[in-house]
Amino acid sequence: MKEKQKHLQEFADKTGSFVFQPDIKEKNAAMEGWEHAKNIIKSNNYDVVILDEINCALEKGLIPLDEALEIVREHGKVELIFTGRDAPKELMDAADYVNVVQRVKHPWQKGIVARRGIEY
């Protein structure tokens, strides 16, 4: 049991932030997803579009902020939900709603690895 606790301590969230250096594959994938999302939003076939973790991609420069702001201003009848940490101030200023969700507990803290369909 002590070995498991030691292992979990090694991965304890000590900084409260996640840092990564995006490479060209990540940038291309983000832009491909963004282009798809824009087409869905502009189609007006949906009442709600959720762009999960887009704020992180915006903050890291993977998606152009000016394009996201344009979509927010011209989204028509579609309700847009942008999630993720570190939303740019300009996006928060342009949004109709802004909520902050704070992690209190996460399965990762018990050693449960990321699960397909949940964390990715």
PDB file of N, CA and C in Angstrom:
ATOM      1  N   MET A   1       0.823  -1.197   0.000  1.00  0.00           N
ATOM      2  CA  MET A   1       0.000   0.000   0.000  1.00  0.00           C
ATOM      3  C   MET A   1       0.865   1.259   0.000  1.00  0.00           C
ATOM      4  N   LYS A   2       1.950   1.272   0.741  1.00  0.00           N
ATOM      5  CA  LYS A   2       2.822   2.445   0.784  1.00  0.00           C
ATOM      6  C   LYS A   2       3.425   2.735  -0.581  1.00  0.00           C
ATOM      7  N   GLU A   3       3.738   1.688  -1.342  1.00  0.00           N
ATOM      8  CA  GLU A   3       4.303   1.876  -2.675  1.00  0.00           C
ATOM      9  C   GLU A   3       3.307   2.601  -3.582  1.00  0.00           C
ATOM     10  N   LYS A   4       2.030   2.239  -3.490  1.00  0.00           N
ATOM     11  CA  LYS A   4       0.993   2.894  -4.299  1.00  0.00           C
ATOM     12  C   LYS A   4       0.872   4.367  -3.909  1.00  0.00           C
ATOM     13  N   GLN A   5       0.886   4.656  -2.615  1.00  0.00           N
ATOM     14  CA  GLN A   5       0.792   6.037  -2.162  1.00  0.00           C
ATOM     15  C   GLN A   5       2.000   6.848  -2.626  1.00  0.00           C
ATOM     16  N   LYS A   6       3.174   6.231  -2.583  1.00  0.00           N
ATOM     17  CA  LYS A   6       4.378   6.908  -3.049  1.00  0.00           C
ATOM     18  C   LYS A   6       4.259   7.220  -4.540  1.00  0.00           C
ATOM     19  N   HIS A   7       3.758   6.252  -5.295  1.00  0.00           N
ATOM     20  CA  HIS A   7       3.570   6.433  -6.729  1.00  0.00           C
ATOM     21  C   HIS A   7       2.582   7.570  -7.012  1.00  0.00           C
ATOM     22  N   LEU A   8       1.491   7.630  -6.266  1.00  0.00           N
ATOM     23  CA  LEU A   8       0.498   8.678  -6.471  1.00  0.00           C
ATOM     24  C   LEU A   8       1.059  10.052  -6.113  1.00  0.00           C
ATOM     25  N   GLN A   9       1.868  10.117  -5.068  1.00  0.00           N
ATOM     26  CA  GLN A   9       2.485  11.389  -4.674  1.00  0.00           C
ATOM     27  C   GLN A   9       3.381  11.916  -5.789  1.00  0.00           C
ATOM     28  N   GLU A  10       4.041  10.999  -6.481  1.00  0.00           N
ATOM     29  CA  GLU A  10       4.929  11.380  -7.569  1.00  0.00           C
ATOM     30  C   GLU A  10       4.162  12.140  -8.649  1.00  0.00           C
ATOM     31  N   PHE A  11       2.891  11.796  -8.847  1.00  0.00           N
ATOM     32  CA  PHE A  11       2.076  12.416  -9.874  1.00  0.00           C
ATOM     33  C   PHE A  11       1.083  13.426  -9.320  1.00  0.00           C
ATOM     34  N   ALA A  12       1.231  13.801  -8.070  1.00  0.00           N
ATOM     35  CA  ALA A  12       0.324  14.780  -7.466  1.00  0.00           C
ATOM     36  C   ALA A  12       0.418  16.095  -8.218  1.00  0.00           C
ATOM     37  N   ASP A  13      -0.690  16.769  -8.341  1.00  0.00           N
ATOM     38  CA  ASP A  13      -0.756  18.051  -9.038  1.00  0.00           C
ATOM     39  C   ASP A  13      -0.140  19.112  -8.134  1.00  0.00           C
ATOM     40  N   LYS A  14       1.106  19.461  -8.393  1.00  0.00           N
ATOM     41  CA  LYS A  14       1.828  20.396  -7.539  1.00  0.00           C
ATOM     42  C   LYS A  14       1.766  21.833  -8.067  1.00  0.00           C
ATOM     43  N   THR A  15       1.460  21.979  -9.353  1.00  0.00           N
ATOM     44  CA  THR A  15       1.501  23.316  -9.945  1.00  0.00           C
ATOM     45  C   THR A  15       0.116  23.886 -10.222  1.00  0.00           C
ATOM     46  N   GLY A  16      -0.869  23.008 -10.379  1.00  0.00           N
ATOM     47  CA  GLY A  16      -2.203  23.469 -10.729  1.00  0.00           C
ATOM     48  C   GLY A  16      -2.329  23.835 -12.194  1.00  0.00           C
ATOM     49  N   SER A  17      -1.300  23.530 -12.995  1.00  0.00           N
ATOM     50  CA  SER A  17      -1.381  23.837 -14.420  1.00  0.00           C
ATOM     51  C   SER A  17      -0.753  22.716 -15.235  1.00  0.00           C
ATOM     52  N   PHE A  18      -1.119  22.691 -16.509  1.00  0.00           N
ATOM     53  CA  PHE A  18      -0.589  21.714 -17.446  1.00  0.00           C
ATOM     54  C   PHE A  18       0.157  22.482 -18.512  1.00  0.00           C
ATOM     55  N   VAL A  19       1.397  22.137 -18.739  1.00  0.00           N
ATOM     56  CA  VAL A  19       2.214  22.852 -19.702  1.00  0.00           C
ATOM     57  C   VAL A  19       2.604  21.891 -20.807  1.00  0.00           C
ATOM     58  N   PHE A  20       2.461  22.323 -22.044  1.00  0.00           N
ATOM     59  CA  PHE A  20       2.905  21.495 -23.145  1.00  0.00           C
ATOM     60  C   PHE A  20       3.404  22.383 -24.260  1.00  0.00           C
ATOM     61  N   GLN A  21       4.218  21.832 -25.094  1.00  0.00           N
ATOM     62  CA  GLN A  21       4.735  22.535 -26.258  1.00  0.00           C
ATOM     63  C   GLN A  21       4.122  21.887 -27.494  1.00  0.00           C
ATOM     64  N   PRO A  22       3.119  22.521 -28.081  1.00  0.00           N
ATOM     65  CA  PRO A  22       2.460  21.913 -29.229  1.00  0.00           C
ATOM     66  C   PRO A  22       3.403  21.800 -30.417  1.00  0.00           C
ATOM     67  N   ASP A  23       3.309  20.678 -31.119  1.00  0.00           N
ATOM     68  CA  ASP A  23       4.099  20.513 -32.333  1.00  0.00           C
ATOM     69  C   ASP A  23       3.176  20.718 -33.539  1.00  0.00           C
ATOM     70  N   ILE A  24       3.730  20.601 -34.727  1.00  0.00           N
ATOM     71  CA  ILE A  24       2.973  20.880 -35.938  1.00  0.00           C
ATOM     72  C   ILE A  24       1.787  19.923 -36.095  1.00  0.00           C
ATOM     73  N   LYS A  25       1.939  18.652 -35.655  1.00  0.00           N
ATOM     74  CA  LYS A  25       0.827  17.708 -35.750  1.00  0.00           C
ATOM     75  C   LYS A  25      -0.340  18.154 -34.880  1.00  0.00           C
ATOM     76  N   GLU A  26      -0.052  18.649 -33.673  1.00  0.00           N
ATOM     77  CA  GLU A  26      -1.112  19.131 -32.790  1.00  0.00           C
ATOM     78  C   GLU A  26      -1.775  20.381 -33.368  1.00  0.00           C
ATOM     79  N   LYS A  27      -0.964  21.259 -33.937  1.00  0.00           N
ATOM     80  CA  LYS A  27      -1.520  22.468 -34.532  1.00  0.00           C
ATOM     81  C   LYS A  27      -2.417  22.130 -35.720  1.00  0.00           C
ATOM     82  N   ASN A  28      -1.957  21.221 -36.564  1.00  0.00           N
ATOM     83  CA  ASN A  28      -2.758  20.821 -37.717  1.00  0.00           C
ATOM     84  C   ASN A  28      -4.053  20.139 -37.288  1.00  0.00           C
ATOM     85  N   ALA A  29      -3.976  19.276 -36.291  1.00  0.00           N
ATOM     86  CA  ALA A  29      -5.170  18.584 -35.798  1.00  0.00           C
ATOM     87  C   ALA A  29      -6.162  19.581 -35.207  1.00  0.00           C
ATOM     88  N   ALA A  30      -5.657  20.552 -34.454  1.00  0.00           N
ATOM     89  CA  ALA A  30      -6.535  21.573 -33.867  1.00  0.00           C
ATOM     90  C   ALA A  30      -7.229  22.375 -34.960  1.00  0.00           C
ATOM     91  N   MET A  31      -6.495  22.754 -35.983  1.00  0.00           N
ATOM     92  CA  MET A  31      -7.092  23.534 -37.070  1.00  0.00           C
ATOM     93  C   MET A  31      -8.091  22.705 -37.873  1.00  0.00           C
ATOM     94  N   GLU A  32      -7.810  21.439 -38.062  1.00  0.00           N
ATOM     95  CA  GLU A  32      -8.747  20.570 -38.765  1.00  0.00           C
ATOM     96  C   GLU A  32     -10.065  20.471 -37.979  1.00  0.00           C
ATOM     97  N   GLY A  33      -9.955  20.286 -36.672  1.00  0.00           N
ATOM     98  CA  GLY A  33     -11.143  20.244 -35.818  1.00  0.00           C
ATOM     99  C   GLY A  33     -11.877  21.564 -35.814  1.00  0.00           C
ATOM    100  N   TRP A  34     -11.136  22.664 -35.799  1.00  0.00           N
ATOM    101  CA  TRP A  34     -11.741  23.988 -35.787  1.00  0.00           C
ATOM    102  C   TRP A  34     -12.501  24.247 -37.087  1.00  0.00           C
ATOM    103  N   GLU A  35     -11.927  23.882 -38.219  1.00  0.00           N
ATOM    104  CA  GLU A  35     -12.608  24.062 -39.504  1.00  0.00           C
ATOM    105  C   GLU A  35     -13.907  23.258 -39.532  1.00  0.00           C
ATOM    106  N   HIS A  36     -13.857  22.045 -39.021  1.00  0.00           N
ATOM    107  CA  HIS A  36     -15.061  21.201 -38.952  1.00  0.00           C
ATOM    108  C   HIS A  36     -16.113  21.860 -38.054  1.00  0.00           C
ATOM    109  N   ALA A  37     -15.688  22.350 -36.911  1.00  0.00           N
ATOM    110  CA  ALA A  37     -16.619  23.002 -35.971  1.00  0.00           C
ATOM    111  C   ALA A  37     -17.266  24.235 -36.608  1.00  0.00           C
ATOM    112  N   LYS A  38     -16.474  25.039 -37.303  1.00  0.00           N
ATOM    113  CA  LYS A  38     -17.029  26.236 -37.956  1.00  0.00           C
ATOM    114  C   LYS A  38     -18.097  25.845 -38.972  1.00  0.00           C
ATOM    115  N   ASN A  39     -17.845  24.801 -39.736  1.00  0.00           N
ATOM    116  CA  ASN A  39     -18.835  24.350 -40.722  1.00  0.00           C
ATOM    117  C   ASN A  39     -20.116  23.889 -40.040  1.00  0.00           C
ATOM    118  N   ILE A  40     -19.990  23.187 -38.938  1.00  0.00           N
ATOM    119  CA  ILE A  40     -21.168  22.725 -38.191  1.00  0.00           C
ATOM    120  C   ILE A  40     -21.954  23.921 -37.660  1.00  0.00           C
ATOM    121  N   ILE A  41     -21.251  24.877 -37.077  1.00  0.00           N
ATOM    122  CA  ILE A  41     -21.916  26.063 -36.519  1.00  0.00           C
ATOM    123  C   ILE A  41     -22.631  26.839 -37.619  1.00  0.00           C
ATOM    124  N   LYS A  42     -21.967  27.059 -38.723  1.00  0.00           N
ATOM    125  CA  LYS A  42     -22.536  27.847 -39.823  1.00  0.00           C
ATOM    126  C   LYS A  42     -23.690  27.130 -40.530  1.00  0.00           C
ATOM    127  N   SER A  43     -23.772  25.811 -40.390  1.00  0.00           N
ATOM    128  CA  SER A  43     -24.834  25.052 -41.058  1.00  0.00           C
ATOM    129  C   SER A  43     -26.217  25.361 -40.491  1.00  0.00           C
ATOM    130  N   ASN A  44     -26.263  25.819 -39.250  1.00  0.00           N
ATOM    131  CA  ASN A  44     -27.530  26.076 -38.543  1.00  0.00           C
ATOM    132  C   ASN A  44     -28.399  24.822 -38.417  1.00  0.00           C
ATOM    133  N   ASN A  45     -27.782  23.659 -38.458  1.00  0.00           N
ATOM    134  CA  ASN A  45     -28.509  22.396 -38.284  1.00  0.00           C
ATOM    135  C   ASN A  45     -28.594  21.968 -36.822  1.00  0.00           C
ATOM    136  N   TYR A  46     -27.940  22.699 -35.937  1.00  0.00           N
ATOM    137  CA  TYR A  46     -27.870  22.311 -34.529  1.00  0.00           C
ATOM    138  C   TYR A  46     -28.279  23.475 -33.648  1.00  0.00           C
ATOM    139  N   ASP A  47     -28.909  23.154 -32.526  1.00  0.00           N
ATOM    140  CA  ASP A  47     -29.294  24.178 -31.562  1.00  0.00           C
ATOM    141  C   ASP A  47     -28.144  24.526 -30.619  1.00  0.00           C
ATOM    142  N   VAL A  48     -27.313  23.528 -30.307  1.00  0.00           N
ATOM    143  CA  VAL A  48     -26.204  23.701 -29.361  1.00  0.00           C
ATOM    144  C   VAL A  48     -24.963  23.018 -29.937  1.00  0.00           C
ATOM    145  N   VAL A  49     -23.831  23.704 -29.862  1.00  0.00           N
ATOM    146  CA  VAL A  49     -22.545  23.114 -30.249  1.00  0.00           C
ATOM    147  C   VAL A  49     -21.593  23.310 -29.079  1.00  0.00           C
ATOM    148  N   ILE A  50     -21.035  22.200 -28.596  1.00  0.00           N
ATOM    149  CA  ILE A  50     -20.089  22.229 -27.479  1.00  0.00           C
ATOM    150  C   ILE A  50     -18.686  22.003 -28.036  1.00  0.00           C
ATOM    151  N   LEU A  51     -17.814  22.957 -27.807  1.00  0.00           N
ATOM    152  CA  LEU A  51     -16.422  22.860 -28.240  1.00  0.00           C
ATOM    153  C   LEU A  51     -15.576  22.593 -26.994  1.00  0.00           C
ATOM    154  N   ASP A  52     -15.460  21.310 -26.676  1.00  0.00           N
ATOM    155  CA  ASP A  52     -14.808  20.892 -25.443  1.00  0.00           C
ATOM    156  C   ASP A  52     -13.308  21.153 -25.493  1.00  0.00           C
ATOM    157  N   GLU A  53     -12.800  21.835 -24.480  1.00  0.00           N
ATOM    158  CA  GLU A  53     -11.383  22.175 -24.303  1.00  0.00           C
ATOM    159  C   GLU A  53     -10.838  23.143 -25.349  1.00  0.00           C
ATOM    160  N   ILE A  54     -11.715  23.854 -26.038  1.00  0.00           N
ATOM    161  CA  ILE A  54     -11.241  24.819 -27.039  1.00  0.00           C
ATOM    162  C   ILE A  54     -10.487  25.979 -26.390  1.00  0.00           C
ATOM    163  N   ASN A  55     -10.841  26.345 -25.163  1.00  0.00           N
ATOM    164  CA  ASN A  55     -10.148  27.465 -24.518  1.00  0.00           C
ATOM    165  C   ASN A  55      -8.660  27.184 -24.374  1.00  0.00           C
ATOM    166  N   CYS A  56      -8.313  25.948 -24.077  1.00  0.00           N
ATOM    167  CA  CYS A  56      -6.891  25.581 -23.966  1.00  0.00           C
ATOM    168  C   CYS A  56      -6.196  25.754 -25.312  1.00  0.00           C
ATOM    169  N   ALA A  57      -6.873  25.309 -26.380  1.00  0.00           N
ATOM    170  CA  ALA A  57      -6.298  25.437 -27.722  1.00  0.00           C
ATOM    171  C   ALA A  57      -6.152  26.899 -28.120  1.00  0.00           C
ATOM    172  N   LEU A  58      -7.125  27.724 -27.746  1.00  0.00           N
ATOM    173  CA  LEU A  58      -7.030  29.161 -28.036  1.00  0.00           C
ATOM    174  C   LEU A  58      -5.872  29.795 -27.280  1.00  0.00           C
ATOM    175  N   GLU A  59      -5.764  29.449 -26.009  1.00  0.00           N
ATOM    176  CA  GLU A  59      -4.720  30.041 -25.163  1.00  0.00           C
ATOM    177  C   GLU A  59      -3.328  29.643 -25.656  1.00  0.00           C
ATOM    178  N   LYS A  60      -3.192  28.455 -26.201  1.00  0.00           N
ATOM    179  CA  LYS A  60      -1.897  27.979 -26.697  1.00  0.00           C
ATOM    180  C   LYS A  60      -1.623  28.420 -28.132  1.00  0.00           C
ATOM    181  N   GLY A  61      -2.570  29.146 -28.744  1.00  0.00           N
ATOM    182  CA  GLY A  61      -2.362  29.630 -30.098  1.00  0.00           C
ATOM    183  C   GLY A  61      -2.568  28.580 -31.176  1.00  0.00           C
ATOM    184  N   LEU A  62      -3.227  27.478 -30.830  1.00  0.00           N
ATOM    185  CA  LEU A  62      -3.473  26.428 -31.818  1.00  0.00           C
ATOM    186  C   LEU A  62      -4.612  26.800 -32.768  1.00  0.00           C
ATOM    187  N   ILE A  63      -5.490  27.665 -32.312  1.00  0.00           N
ATOM    188  CA  ILE A  63      -6.636  28.145 -33.088  1.00  0.00           C
ATOM    189  C   ILE A  63      -6.616  29.668 -33.009  1.00  0.00           C
ATOM    190  N   PRO A  64      -6.822  30.354 -34.129  1.00  0.00           N
ATOM    191  CA  PRO A  64      -6.781  31.822 -34.106  1.00  0.00           C
ATOM    192  C   PRO A  64      -7.921  32.417 -33.272  1.00  0.00           C
ATOM    193  N   LEU A  65      -7.570  33.228 -32.309  1.00  0.00           N
ATOM    194  CA  LEU A  65      -8.552  33.858 -31.435  1.00  0.00           C
ATOM    195  C   LEU A  65      -9.508  34.743 -32.223  1.00  0.00           C
ATOM    196  N   ASP A  66      -8.998  35.460 -33.216  1.00  0.00           N
ATOM    197  CA  ASP A  66      -9.871  36.348 -33.990  1.00  0.00           C
ATOM    198  C   ASP A  66     -10.978  35.574 -34.702  1.00  0.00           C
ATOM    199  N   GLU A  67     -10.686  34.353 -35.148  1.00  0.00           N
ATOM    200  CA  GLU A  67     -11.709  33.523 -35.793  1.00  0.00           C
ATOM    201  C   GLU A  67     -12.754  33.067 -34.774  1.00  0.00           C
ATOM    202  N   ALA A  68     -12.299  32.703 -33.598  1.00  0.00           N
ATOM    203  CA  ALA A  68     -13.244  32.276 -32.546  1.00  0.00           C
ATOM    204  C   ALA A  68     -14.147  33.434 -32.146  1.00  0.00           C
ATOM    205  N   LEU A  69     -13.588  34.623 -32.030  1.00  0.00           N
ATOM    206  CA  LEU A  69     -14.387  35.792 -31.677  1.00  0.00           C
ATOM    207  C   LEU A  69     -15.412  36.107 -32.765  1.00  0.00           C
ATOM    208  N   GLU A  70     -15.025  35.945 -34.011  1.00  0.00           N
ATOM    209  CA  GLU A  70     -15.960  36.170 -35.118  1.00  0.00           C
ATOM    210  C   GLU A  70     -17.132  35.181 -35.047  1.00  0.00           C
ATOM    211  N   ILE A  71     -16.832  33.927 -34.762  1.00  0.00           N
ATOM    212  CA  ILE A  71     -17.889  32.912 -34.636  1.00  0.00           C
ATOM    213  C   ILE A  71     -18.808  33.253 -33.464  1.00  0.00           C
ATOM    214  N   VAL A  72     -18.244  33.701 -32.362  1.00  0.00           N
ATOM    215  CA  VAL A  72     -19.059  34.066 -31.191  1.00  0.00           C
ATOM    216  C   VAL A  72     -19.991  35.231 -31.548  1.00  0.00           C
ATOM    217  N   ARG A  73     -19.501  36.184 -32.290  1.00  0.00           N
ATOM    218  CA  ARG A  73     -20.322  37.345 -32.665  1.00  0.00           C
ATOM    219  C   ARG A  73     -21.377  37.000 -33.711  1.00  0.00           C
ATOM    220  N   GLU A  74     -21.102  36.010 -34.563  1.00  0.00           N
ATOM    221  CA  GLU A  74     -21.981  35.714 -35.701  1.00  0.00           C
ATOM    222  C   GLU A  74     -22.466  34.270 -35.702  1.00  0.00           C
ATOM    223  N   HIS A  75     -22.845  33.753 -34.540  1.00  0.00           N
ATOM    224  CA  HIS A  75     -23.222  32.339 -34.445  1.00  0.00           C
ATOM    225  C   HIS A  75     -24.675  32.055 -34.785  1.00  0.00           C
ATOM    226  N   GLY A  76     -25.427  33.083 -35.093  1.00  0.00           N
ATOM    227  CA  GLY A  76     -26.830  32.866 -35.447  1.00  0.00           C
ATOM    228  C   GLY A  76     -27.629  32.311 -34.281  1.00  0.00           C
ATOM    229  N   LYS A  77     -28.483  31.338 -34.557  1.00  0.00           N
ATOM    230  CA  LYS A  77     -29.354  30.767 -33.527  1.00  0.00           C
ATOM    231  C   LYS A  77     -28.660  29.693 -32.684  1.00  0.00           C
ATOM    232  N   VAL A  78     -27.459  29.318 -33.059  1.00  0.00           N
ATOM    233  CA  VAL A  78     -26.748  28.233 -32.387  1.00  0.00           C
ATOM    234  C   VAL A  78     -26.200  28.703 -31.042  1.00  0.00           C
ATOM    235  N   GLU A  79     -26.512  27.963 -29.985  1.00  0.00           N
ATOM    236  CA  GLU A  79     -25.900  28.227 -28.674  1.00  0.00           C
ATOM    237  C   GLU A  79     -24.516  27.593 -28.670  1.00  0.00           C
ATOM    238  N   LEU A  80     -23.502  28.361 -28.348  1.00  0.00           N
ATOM    239  CA  LEU A  80     -22.131  27.861 -28.322  1.00  0.00           C
ATOM    240  C   LEU A  80     -21.666  27.688 -26.887  1.00  0.00           C
ATOM    241  N   ILE A  81     -20.991  26.583 -26.642  1.00  0.00           N
ATOM    242  CA  ILE A  81     -20.399  26.324 -25.328  1.00  0.00           C
ATOM    243  C   ILE A  81     -18.923  26.022 -25.557  1.00  0.00           C
ATOM    244  N   PHE A  82     -18.075  26.892 -25.039  1.00  0.00           N
ATOM    245  CA  PHE A  82     -16.629  26.702 -25.110  1.00  0.00           C
ATOM    246  C   PHE A  82     -16.174  26.274 -23.718  1.00  0.00           C
ATOM    247  N   THR A  83     -15.446  25.162 -23.626  1.00  0.00           N
ATOM    248  CA  THR A  83     -14.965  24.709 -22.324  1.00  0.00           C
ATOM    249  C   THR A  83     -13.440  24.731 -22.288  1.00  0.00           C
ATOM    250  N   GLY A  84     -12.911  24.556 -21.091  1.00  0.00           N
ATOM    251  CA  GLY A  84     -11.469  24.466 -20.904  1.00  0.00           C
ATOM    252  C   GLY A  84     -10.935  25.610 -20.055  1.00  0.00           C
ATOM    253  N   ARG A  85      -9.755  25.378 -19.549  1.00  0.00           N
ATOM    254  CA  ARG A  85      -9.084  26.382 -18.723  1.00  0.00           C
ATOM    255  C   ARG A  85      -8.538  27.515 -19.567  1.00  0.00           C
ATOM    256  N   ASP A  86      -8.227  28.594 -18.880  1.00  0.00           N
ATOM    257  CA  ASP A  86      -7.480  29.719 -19.470  1.00  0.00           C
ATOM    258  C   ASP A  86      -8.178  30.354 -20.669  1.00  0.00           C
ATOM    259  N   ALA A  87      -9.481  30.531 -20.569  1.00  0.00           N
ATOM    260  CA  ALA A  87     -10.202  31.221 -21.644  1.00  0.00           C
ATOM    261  C   ALA A  87      -9.622  32.619 -21.810  1.00  0.00           C
ATOM    262  N   PRO A  88      -9.352  33.027 -23.039  1.00  0.00           N
ATOM    263  CA  PRO A  88      -8.837  34.385 -23.261  1.00  0.00           C
ATOM    264  C   PRO A  88      -9.844  35.438 -22.788  1.00  0.00           C
ATOM    265  N   LYS A  89      -9.344  36.521 -22.228  1.00  0.00           N
ATOM    266  CA  LYS A  89     -10.205  37.586 -21.725  1.00  0.00           C
ATOM    267  C   LYS A  89     -11.137  38.113 -22.813  1.00  0.00           C
ATOM    268  N   GLU A  90     -10.626  38.250 -24.030  1.00  0.00           N
ATOM    269  CA  GLU A  90     -11.442  38.749 -25.134  1.00  0.00           C
ATOM    270  C   GLU A  90     -12.645  37.835 -25.384  1.00  0.00           C
ATOM    271  N   LEU A  91     -12.450  36.549 -25.236  1.00  0.00           N
ATOM    272  CA  LEU A  91     -13.544  35.596 -25.420  1.00  0.00           C
ATOM    273  C   LEU A  91     -14.559  35.744 -24.294  1.00  0.00           C
ATOM    274  N   MET A  92     -14.077  35.859 -23.071  1.00  0.00           N
ATOM    275  CA  MET A  92     -14.993  36.036 -21.940  1.00  0.00           C
ATOM    276  C   MET A  92     -15.789  37.334 -22.087  1.00  0.00           C
ATOM    277  N   ASP A  93     -15.144  38.386 -22.578  1.00  0.00           N
ATOM    278  CA  ASP A  93     -15.841  39.659 -22.786  1.00  0.00           C
ATOM    279  C   ASP A  93     -16.934  39.525 -23.844  1.00  0.00           C
ATOM    280  N   ALA A  94     -16.694  38.724 -24.880  1.00  0.00           N
ATOM    281  CA  ALA A  94     -17.651  38.572 -25.978  1.00  0.00           C
ATOM    282  C   ALA A  94     -18.766  37.577 -25.666  1.00  0.00           C
ATOM    283  N   ALA A  95     -18.558  36.706 -24.692  1.00  0.00           N
ATOM    284  CA  ALA A  95     -19.523  35.640 -24.394  1.00  0.00           C
ATOM    285  C   ALA A  95     -20.752  36.169 -23.661  1.00  0.00           C
ATOM    286  N   ASP A  96     -21.868  35.447 -23.832  1.00  0.00           N
ATOM    287  CA  ASP A  96     -23.088  35.777 -23.091  1.00  0.00           C
ATOM    288  C   ASP A  96     -23.026  35.238 -21.668  1.00  0.00           C
ATOM    289  N   TYR A  97     -22.441  34.079 -21.503  1.00  0.00           N
ATOM    290  CA  TYR A  97     -22.303  33.438 -20.193  1.00  0.00           C
ATOM    291  C   TYR A  97     -20.831  33.114 -19.966  1.00  0.00           C
ATOM    292  N   VAL A  98     -20.375  33.227 -18.727  1.00  0.00           N
ATOM    293  CA  VAL A  98     -19.042  32.765 -18.345  1.00  0.00           C
ATOM    294  C   VAL A  98     -19.184  32.077 -17.000  1.00  0.00           C
ATOM    295  N   ASN A  99     -18.781  30.814 -16.941  1.00  0.00           N
ATOM    296  CA  ASN A  99     -18.796  30.048 -15.696  1.00  0.00           C
ATOM    297  C   ASN A  99     -17.405  29.490 -15.450  1.00  0.00           C
ATOM    298  N   VAL A 100     -17.045  29.359 -14.186  1.00  0.00           N
ATOM    299  CA  VAL A 100     -15.774  28.758 -13.815  1.00  0.00           C
ATOM    300  C   VAL A 100     -16.070  27.491 -13.038  1.00  0.00           C
ATOM    301  N   VAL A 101     -15.508  26.382 -13.518  1.00  0.00           N
ATOM    302  CA  VAL A 101     -15.666  25.094 -12.854  1.00  0.00           C
ATOM    303  C   VAL A 101     -14.330  24.758 -12.208  1.00  0.00           C
ATOM    304  N   GLN A 102     -14.354  24.466 -10.941  1.00  0.00           N
ATOM    305  CA  GLN A 102     -13.121  24.186 -10.206  1.00  0.00           C
ATOM    306  C   GLN A 102     -13.065  22.714  -9.834  1.00  0.00           C
ATOM    307  N   ARG A 103     -11.946  22.067 -10.130  1.00  0.00           N
ATOM    308  CA  ARG A 103     -11.771  20.670  -9.765  1.00  0.00           C
ATOM    309  C   ARG A 103     -11.645  20.559  -8.256  1.00  0.00           C
ATOM    310  N   VAL A 104     -12.459  19.714  -7.675  1.00  0.00           N
ATOM    311  CA  VAL A 104     -12.370  19.402  -6.261  1.00  0.00           C
ATOM    312  C   VAL A 104     -11.774  18.012  -6.106  1.00  0.00           C
ATOM    313  N   LYS A 105     -12.164  17.127  -6.996  1.00  0.00           N
ATOM    314  CA  LYS A 105     -11.727  15.740  -6.925  1.00  0.00           C
ATOM    315  C   LYS A 105     -11.696  15.196  -8.348  1.00  0.00           C
ATOM    316  N   HIS A 106     -10.706  14.362  -8.651  1.00  0.00           N
ATOM    317  CA  HIS A 106     -10.578  13.791  -9.986  1.00  0.00           C
ATOM    318  C   HIS A 106     -10.058  12.365  -9.860  1.00  0.00           C
ATOM    319  N   PRO A 107     -10.554  11.440 -10.696  1.00  0.00           N
ATOM    320  CA  PRO A 107     -10.087  10.049 -10.618  1.00  0.00           C
ATOM    321  C   PRO A 107      -8.576   9.915 -10.779  1.00  0.00           C
ATOM    322  N   TRP A 108      -7.952  10.834 -11.481  1.00  0.00           N
ATOM    323  CA  TRP A 108      -6.505  10.831 -11.674  1.00  0.00           C
ATOM    324  C   TRP A 108      -5.775  10.830 -10.337  1.00  0.00           C
ATOM    325  N   GLN A 109      -6.363  11.482  -9.335  1.00  0.00           N
ATOM    326  CA  GLN A 109      -5.741  11.559  -8.017  1.00  0.00           C
ATOM    327  C   GLN A 109      -5.691  10.192  -7.337  1.00  0.00           C
ATOM    328  N   LYS A 110      -6.537   9.253  -7.786  1.00  0.00           N
ATOM    329  CA  LYS A 110      -6.538   7.891  -7.237  1.00  0.00           C
ATOM    330  C   LYS A 110      -5.774   6.929  -8.132  1.00  0.00           C
ATOM    331  N   GLY A 111      -5.117   7.452  -9.149  1.00  0.00           N
ATOM    332  CA  GLY A 111      -4.331   6.597 -10.029  1.00  0.00           C
ATOM    333  C   GLY A 111      -5.102   6.057 -11.220  1.00  0.00           C
ATOM    334  N   ILE A 112      -6.315   6.518 -11.437  1.00  0.00           N
ATOM    335  CA  ILE A 112      -7.101   6.070 -12.583  1.00  0.00           C
ATOM    336  C   ILE A 112      -6.624   6.844 -13.814  1.00  0.00           C
ATOM    337  N   VAL A 113      -6.181   6.107 -14.811  1.00  0.00           N
ATOM    338  CA  VAL A 113      -5.626   6.757 -16.004  1.00  0.00           C
ATOM    339  C   VAL A 113      -6.741   7.321 -16.874  1.00  0.00           C
ATOM    340  N   ALA A 114      -6.364   8.202 -17.792  1.00  0.00           N
ATOM    341  CA  ALA A 114      -7.328   8.803 -18.713  1.00  0.00           C
ATOM    342  C   ALA A 114      -8.066   7.720 -19.492  1.00  0.00           C
ATOM    343  N   ARG A 115      -9.386   7.922 -19.636  1.00  0.00           N
ATOM    344  CA  ARG A 115     -10.235   6.934 -20.299  1.00  0.00           C
ATOM    345  C   ARG A 115     -10.783   7.493 -21.604  1.00  0.00           C
ATOM    346  N   ARG A 116     -10.759   6.659 -22.615  1.00  0.00           N
ATOM    347  CA  ARG A 116     -11.303   7.043 -23.929  1.00  0.00           C
ATOM    348  C   ARG A 116     -12.786   7.391 -23.771  1.00  0.00           C
ATOM    349  N   GLY A 117     -13.184   8.502 -24.338  1.00  0.00           N
ATOM    350  CA  GLY A 117     -14.577   8.927 -24.259  1.00  0.00           C
ATOM    351  C   GLY A 117     -14.891   9.766 -23.025  1.00  0.00           C
ATOM    352  N   ILE A 118     -13.964   9.822 -22.081  1.00  0.00           N
ATOM    353  CA  ILE A 118     -14.160  10.634 -20.887  1.00  0.00           C
ATOM    354  C   ILE A 118     -13.130  11.775 -20.880  1.00  0.00           C
ATOM    355  N   GLU A 119     -11.862  11.431 -20.743  1.00  0.00           N
ATOM    356  CA  GLU A 119     -10.816  12.466 -20.725  1.00  0.00           C
ATOM    357  C   GLU A 119     -10.282  12.775 -22.123  1.00  0.00           C
ATOM    358  N   TYR A 120     -10.488  11.877 -23.040  1.00  0.00           N
ATOM    359  CA  TYR A 120     -10.044  12.148 -24.434  1.00  0.00           C
ATOM    360  C   TYR A 120     -10.948  11.445 -25.399  1.00  0.00           C
TER     361      TYR A 120
END
